Amino acid sequence: MLILGIDPGFAIVGFGLVEADQGRQRLIQCGAITTPAGEALPARLRQIADDMDLLLTQFHPQAMAIEELFFNNNITTGIGVAQARGVLLLSAERHKVPIYEYSPSQVKQAVVGYGKAEKRQVMDMTKRLLNLKAVPKPDDAADAVAIALCHARSYTSRLQNPDAAKPGSGRYAVRNR
């Protein structure tokens, strides 16, 4: 299964493509979609949509794992990220790529084994699990790879849980309870 992990943003959108097969994961590619700081938000959103469409067309992932929105102290930034996240979800939907959502603590739990792990621990485990020489760069790409790994490591267990599916949609949304 080819999984596209996405760390949403409007200045930088991290992406990571991970191939998962029989309990093994392999990094295919990672990077970032970037938008110019001086441009108006609608132009930045169009750039994100265009680049996301290119990624989806080029790689044809079988799943997209995306981080749930997390608001910190800056509500203005959070609103921009939410708008960019909407564009990313729409692109995946248009390409008929199933969407899976994970909270930051779920990603940490799946990758490190501890839901309150520090960012450095997540990056180190991502490197180790994929047998990489270095942590992917930029940090947004590393986060996206960790999100893809989270899906790869949790997908099998969710398939065995009949309560995990949303009735009638064929999609899963993983949320904290």
Protein backbone atom coordinates (compact mmCIF):
# COMPACT_ATOMS: atom_id res chain seq x y z
CA MET A 1 0.00 0.00 0.00
CA LEU A 2 1.31 3.44 -0.92
CA ILE A 3 0.47 6.00 1.78
CA LEU A 4 0.74 9.76 1.35
CA GLY A 5 1.32 11.43 4.71
CA ILE A 6 0.47 15.12 4.93
CA ASP A 7 1.49 17.72 7.51
CA PRO A 8 -0.90 20.56 6.64
CA GLY A 9 0.08 24.22 6.52
CA PHE A 10 -0.25 27.20 4.22
CA ALA A 11 3.37 28.36 4.14
CA ILE A 12 4.74 24.79 4.07
CA VAL A 13 2.86 21.55 3.49
CA GLY A 14 4.99 18.54 4.33
CA PHE A 15 4.46 15.33 2.39
CA GLY A 16 5.85 11.84 2.73
CA LEU A 17 5.18 8.80 0.57
CA VAL A 18 5.65 5.52 2.39
CA GLU A 19 5.17 2.06 0.94
CA ALA A 20 3.84 -0.43 3.48
CA ASP A 21 3.93 -4.14 2.72
CA GLN A 22 3.55 -7.02 5.18
CA GLY A 23 4.61 -5.06 8.23
CA ARG A 24 7.56 -3.36 6.50
CA GLN A 25 7.69 0.26 5.50
CA ARG A 26 9.90 2.01 2.96
CA LEU A 27 10.23 5.71 2.21
CA ILE A 28 9.54 6.45 -1.45
CA GLN A 29 9.80 10.24 -1.43
CA CYS A 30 9.27 13.21 0.83
CA GLY A 31 9.41 16.96 0.60
CA ALA A 32 7.38 20.10 0.97
CA ILE A 33 4.95 22.24 -0.95
CA THR A 34 5.90 25.84 -0.25
CA THR A 35 4.10 29.09 -0.95
CA PRO A 36 5.55 32.62 -1.01
CA ALA A 37 4.97 34.61 2.18
CA GLY A 38 4.04 37.83 0.35
CA GLU A 39 1.26 36.29 -1.72
CA ALA A 40 -2.43 36.56 -0.91
CA LEU A 41 -3.98 33.52 0.79
CA PRO A 42 -6.20 32.57 -2.20
CA ALA A 43 -3.12 32.39 -4.47
CA ARG A 44 -1.29 30.31 -1.87
CA LEU A 45 -4.27 27.93 -1.59
CA ARG A 46 -4.36 27.57 -5.39
CA GLN A 47 -0.63 26.71 -5.36
CA ILE A 48 -1.21 24.08 -2.68
CA ALA A 49 -4.10 22.58 -4.65
CA ASP A 50 -2.13 22.53 -7.91
CA ASP A 51 0.93 20.92 -6.31
CA MET A 52 -1.21 18.41 -4.40
CA ASP A 53 -2.96 17.44 -7.63
CA LEU A 54 0.45 16.84 -9.24
CA LEU A 55 1.54 14.61 -6.33
CA LEU A 56 -1.68 12.60 -6.45
CA THR A 57 -1.52 12.22 -10.23
CA GLN A 58 2.15 11.23 -10.24
CA PHE A 59 2.11 8.70 -7.40
CA HIS A 60 -1.50 7.43 -7.16
CA PRO A 61 -1.41 6.73 -3.40
CA GLN A 62 -3.92 4.24 -2.02
CA ALA A 63 -4.45 6.28 1.17
CA MET A 64 -3.81 9.76 2.48
CA ALA A 65 -3.04 10.17 6.18
CA ILE A 66 -3.32 13.75 7.41
CA GLU A 67 -2.79 15.34 10.78
CA GLU A 68 -5.88 16.69 12.47
CA LEU A 69 -5.95 20.40 13.02
CA PHE A 70 -4.27 21.54 16.20
CA PHE A 71 -4.83 25.12 17.35
CA ASN A 72 -2.08 26.69 19.38
CA ASN A 73 -2.06 30.26 20.68
CA ASN A 74 -2.13 31.91 17.23
CA ILE A 75 -5.73 31.63 16.02
CA THR A 76 -4.97 33.59 12.81
CA THR A 77 -2.38 31.02 11.74
CA GLY A 78 -4.78 28.24 12.71
CA ILE A 79 -7.46 29.61 10.40
CA GLY A 80 -5.02 29.71 7.46
CA VAL A 81 -3.89 26.16 8.19
CA ALA A 82 -7.54 25.06 8.37
CA GLN A 83 -8.21 26.56 4.96
CA ALA A 84 -5.13 24.87 3.48
CA ARG A 85 -6.17 21.60 5.10
CA GLY A 86 -9.56 21.91 3.41
CA VAL A 87 -7.88 22.33 0.03
CA LEU A 88 -5.74 19.23 0.71
CA LEU A 89 -8.79 17.16 1.69
CA LEU A 90 -10.67 18.33 -1.40
CA SER A 91 -7.77 17.35 -3.67
CA ALA A 92 -7.66 13.86 -2.17
CA GLU A 93 -11.42 13.51 -2.47
CA ARG A 94 -11.35 14.58 -6.13
CA HIS A 95 -8.70 11.93 -6.81
CA LYS A 96 -10.76 9.35 -4.89
CA VAL A 97 -7.98 8.75 -2.37
CA PRO A 98 -9.33 7.52 0.99
CA ILE A 99 -8.55 9.98 3.79
CA TYR A 100 -7.45 9.00 7.30
CA GLU A 101 -7.03 11.54 10.09
CA TYR A 102 -4.73 11.30 13.09
CA SER A 103 -4.14 13.54 16.08
CA PRO A 104 -0.56 14.47 17.01
CA SER A 105 -0.74 12.16 20.05
CA GLN A 106 -1.88 9.25 17.87
CA VAL A 107 1.09 9.79 15.55
CA LYS A 108 3.47 9.88 18.53
CA GLN A 109 1.90 6.73 19.99
CA ALA A 110 2.15 4.81 16.70
CA VAL A 111 5.71 5.85 15.90
CA VAL A 112 7.37 6.12 19.33
CA GLY A 113 5.02 4.13 21.54
CA TYR A 114 4.29 7.11 23.78
CA GLY A 115 1.56 9.66 22.99
CA LYS A 116 3.41 12.52 24.68
CA ALA A 117 6.77 11.93 23.02
CA GLU A 118 8.84 14.92 22.02
CA LYS A 119 9.29 15.93 18.39
CA ARG A 120 12.95 14.86 18.42
CA GLN A 121 11.96 11.34 19.56
CA VAL A 122 9.42 11.05 16.73
CA MET A 123 12.00 12.15 14.18
CA ASP A 124 14.60 9.72 15.52
CA MET A 125 12.17 6.77 15.48
CA THR A 126 11.03 7.70 11.96
CA LYS A 127 14.65 7.53 10.85
CA ARG A 128 15.18 4.20 12.62
CA LEU A 129 11.96 2.54 11.44
CA LEU A 130 12.72 3.41 7.81
CA ASN A 131 16.48 2.68 8.07
CA LEU A 132 17.34 6.19 6.88
CA LYS A 133 20.78 7.78 7.16
CA ALA A 134 19.27 11.08 8.32
CA VAL A 135 15.95 12.54 9.42
CA PRO A 136 14.00 13.81 6.39
CA LYS A 137 14.19 17.56 5.78
CA PRO A 138 12.51 19.97 6.19
CA ASP A 139 10.85 19.23 9.53
CA ASP A 140 7.43 19.41 7.85
CA ALA A 141 8.44 16.55 5.55
CA ALA A 142 9.68 14.53 8.54
CA ASP A 143 6.34 15.11 10.26
CA ALA A 144 4.48 13.98 7.14
CA VAL A 145 6.57 10.80 6.95
CA ALA A 146 5.72 10.10 10.60
CA ILE A 147 2.01 10.58 9.81
CA ALA A 148 2.29 8.09 6.93
CA LEU A 149 4.11 5.66 9.25
CA CYS A 150 1.34 6.09 11.81
CA HIS A 151 -1.20 4.98 9.23
CA ALA A 152 0.96 2.08 8.07
CA ARG A 153 1.39 0.83 11.63
CA SER A 154 -2.24 1.25 12.70
CA TYR A 155 -4.16 0.39 9.52
CA THR A 156 -4.04 -3.38 9.98
CA SER A 157 -5.32 -3.23 13.53
CA ARG A 158 -8.19 -0.92 12.51
CA LEU A 159 -9.23 -3.27 9.72
CA GLN A 160 -9.79 -5.94 12.35
CA ASN A 161 -12.02 -3.58 14.40
CA PRO A 162 -15.51 -3.42 12.85
CA ASP A 163 -16.34 -0.35 14.97
CA ALA A 164 -13.55 1.67 13.30
CA ALA A 165 -15.36 2.10 9.97
CA LYS A 166 -17.78 4.91 9.32
CA PRO A 167 -20.93 3.17 8.02
CA GLY A 168 -21.42 3.54 4.29
CA SER A 169 -18.36 5.66 3.58
CA GLY A 170 -15.55 3.14 3.20
CA ARG A 171 -13.37 5.59 5.10
CA TYR A 172 -11.97 5.76 8.56
CA ALA A 173 -11.55 8.66 10.91
CA VAL A 174 -9.42 7.93 13.93
CA ARG A 175 -10.15 10.27 16.81
CA ASN A 176 -9.27 10.43 20.47
CA ARG A 177 -11.99 9.17 22.75
